[in-house]
Amino acid sequence: MQKVLISLPDDLAARMKRMIPAKHRSRIIVEMLEAEIAKREQSLYQCACEVEADRDLNNEMNDWEVTVGDGMEPGSW
């Protein structure tokens, strides 16, 4: 378990203190972060699936495959 320091706007911190008992705050924050991260991971996964399913993009990427190993090294041009 790691401790982290975060900054909250004064009004949000005050509302949190009024509404969430001190012993529950860490758990609530963990749950909110887990939900947000899962949502973002799902969005990224969906984007990757769409890229994989894009035939035109994949055809174009295959066209560029011939440049792999063309002897040009990064910084040589």
C-alpha atoms as a PDB file:
ATOM      1  CA  MET A   1       0.000   0.000   0.000  1.00  0.00           C
ATOM      2  CA  GLN A   2       1.311   3.451  -0.880  1.00  0.00           C
ATOM      3  CA  LYS A   3       0.339   6.796   0.512  1.00  0.00           C
ATOM      4  CA  VAL A   4      -0.097   9.640  -1.964  1.00  0.00           C
ATOM      5  CA  LEU A   5      -0.534  13.344  -1.515  1.00  0.00           C
ATOM      6  CA  ILE A   6      -3.195  14.998  -3.673  1.00  0.00           C
ATOM      7  CA  SER A   7      -4.570  18.517  -3.849  1.00  0.00           C
ATOM      8  CA  LEU A   8      -8.301  19.193  -3.779  1.00  0.00           C
ATOM      9  CA  PRO A   9     -10.171  22.450  -4.177  1.00  0.00           C
ATOM     10  CA  ASP A  10     -11.152  23.788  -0.748  1.00  0.00           C
ATOM     11  CA  ASP A  11     -14.884  23.436  -1.370  1.00  0.00           C
ATOM     12  CA  LEU A  12     -14.548  19.829  -2.556  1.00  0.00           C
ATOM     13  CA  ALA A  13     -12.391  18.899   0.445  1.00  0.00           C
ATOM     14  CA  ALA A  14     -14.952  20.462   2.786  1.00  0.00           C
ATOM     15  CA  ARG A  15     -17.821  18.578   1.134  1.00  0.00           C
ATOM     16  CA  MET A  16     -15.862  15.325   1.337  1.00  0.00           C
ATOM     17  CA  LYS A  17     -15.213  15.856   5.047  1.00  0.00           C
ATOM     18  CA  ARG A  18     -18.912  16.553   5.652  1.00  0.00           C
ATOM     19  CA  MET A  19     -20.239  13.636   3.641  1.00  0.00           C
ATOM     20  CA  ILE A  20     -17.661  10.837   3.977  1.00  0.00           C
ATOM     21  CA  PRO A  21     -16.506   9.595   7.378  1.00  0.00           C
ATOM     22  CA  ALA A  22     -12.709   9.745   7.777  1.00  0.00           C
ATOM     23  CA  LYS A  23     -12.352   5.976   8.079  1.00  0.00           C
ATOM     24  CA  HIS A  24     -14.087   5.472   4.695  1.00  0.00           C
ATOM     25  CA  ARG A  25     -12.325   8.118   2.591  1.00  0.00           C
ATOM     26  CA  SER A  26      -9.435   5.993   1.346  1.00  0.00           C
ATOM     27  CA  ARG A  27     -11.768   3.170   0.305  1.00  0.00           C
ATOM     28  CA  ILE A  28     -14.076   5.588  -1.522  1.00  0.00           C
ATOM     29  CA  ILE A  29     -11.158   7.211  -3.357  1.00  0.00           C
ATOM     30  CA  VAL A  30      -9.774   3.767  -4.315  1.00  0.00           C
ATOM     31  CA  GLU A  31     -13.180   2.742  -5.709  1.00  0.00           C
ATOM     32  CA  MET A  32     -13.495   5.952  -7.733  1.00  0.00           C
ATOM     33  CA  LEU A  33      -9.971   5.598  -9.133  1.00  0.00           C
ATOM     34  CA  GLU A  34     -10.523   1.940 -10.013  1.00  0.00           C
ATOM     35  CA  ALA A  35     -13.739   2.823 -11.860  1.00  0.00           C
ATOM     36  CA  GLU A  36     -12.111   5.696 -13.766  1.00  0.00           C
ATOM     37  CA  ILE A  37      -9.041   3.659 -14.704  1.00  0.00           C
ATOM     38  CA  ALA A  38     -11.199   0.727 -15.854  1.00  0.00           C
ATOM     39  CA  LYS A  39     -13.252   3.110 -18.005  1.00  0.00           C
ATOM     40  CA  ARG A  40     -10.117   4.543 -19.612  1.00  0.00           C
ATOM     41  CA  GLU A  41      -8.601   1.090 -20.148  1.00  0.00           C
ATOM     42  CA  GLN A  42     -11.811  -0.060 -21.830  1.00  0.00           C
ATOM     43  CA  SER A  43     -11.794   3.009 -24.061  1.00  0.00           C
ATOM     44  CA  LEU A  44      -8.174   2.355 -25.041  1.00  0.00           C
ATOM     45  CA  TYR A  45      -8.934  -1.321 -25.703  1.00  0.00           C
ATOM     46  CA  GLN A  46     -11.907  -0.357 -27.883  1.00  0.00           C
ATOM     47  CA  CYS A  47      -9.708   2.044 -29.837  1.00  0.00           C
ATOM     48  CA  ALA A  48      -7.099  -0.695 -30.379  1.00  0.00           C
ATOM     49  CA  CYS A  49      -9.815  -3.070 -31.603  1.00  0.00           C
ATOM     50  CA  GLU A  50     -11.041  -0.462 -34.070  1.00  0.00           C
ATOM     51  CA  VAL A  51      -7.509   0.049 -35.384  1.00  0.00           C
ATOM     52  CA  GLU A  52      -7.071  -3.704 -35.839  1.00  0.00           C
ATOM     53  CA  ALA A  53     -10.406  -3.919 -37.670  1.00  0.00           C
ATOM     54  CA  ASP A  54      -9.634  -1.007 -40.028  1.00  0.00           C
ATOM     55  CA  ARG A  55      -8.733  -2.790 -43.279  1.00  0.00           C
ATOM     56  CA  ASP A  56      -7.655   0.371 -45.094  1.00  0.00           C
ATOM     57  CA  LEU A  57      -5.291   1.335 -42.295  1.00  0.00           C
ATOM     58  CA  ASN A  58      -3.885  -2.183 -42.052  1.00  0.00           C
ATOM     59  CA  ASN A  59      -3.335  -2.310 -45.820  1.00  0.00           C
ATOM     60  CA  GLU A  60      -1.478   0.993 -45.662  1.00  0.00           C
ATOM     61  CA  MET A  61       0.616  -0.228 -42.731  1.00  0.00           C
ATOM     62  CA  ASN A  62       1.490  -3.349 -44.719  1.00  0.00           C
ATOM     63  CA  ASP A  63       2.569  -1.149 -47.637  1.00  0.00           C
ATOM     64  CA  TRP A  64       5.027   0.606 -45.315  1.00  0.00           C
ATOM     65  CA  GLU A  65       6.462  -2.699 -44.032  1.00  0.00           C
ATOM     66  CA  VAL A  66       8.884  -2.718 -46.977  1.00  0.00           C
ATOM     67  CA  THR A  67      10.756   0.170 -45.348  1.00  0.00           C
ATOM     68  CA  VAL A  68      11.651  -1.918 -42.299  1.00  0.00           C
ATOM     69  CA  GLY A  69      15.291  -2.886 -42.575  1.00  0.00           C
ATOM     70  CA  ASP A  70      15.939  -0.486 -45.455  1.00  0.00           C
ATOM     71  CA  GLY A  71      19.318   0.401 -43.982  1.00  0.00           C
ATOM     72  CA  MET A  72      18.307   3.813 -42.744  1.00  0.00           C
ATOM     73  CA  GLU A  73      19.056   4.190 -39.076  1.00  0.00           C
ATOM     74  CA  PRO A  74      17.419   6.828 -36.880  1.00  0.00           C
ATOM     75  CA  GLY A  75      19.421  10.021 -37.097  1.00  0.00           C
ATOM     76  CA  SER A  76      21.221   8.986 -40.299  1.00  0.00           C
ATOM     77  CA  TRP A  77      19.198  11.317 -42.457  1.00  0.00           C
END
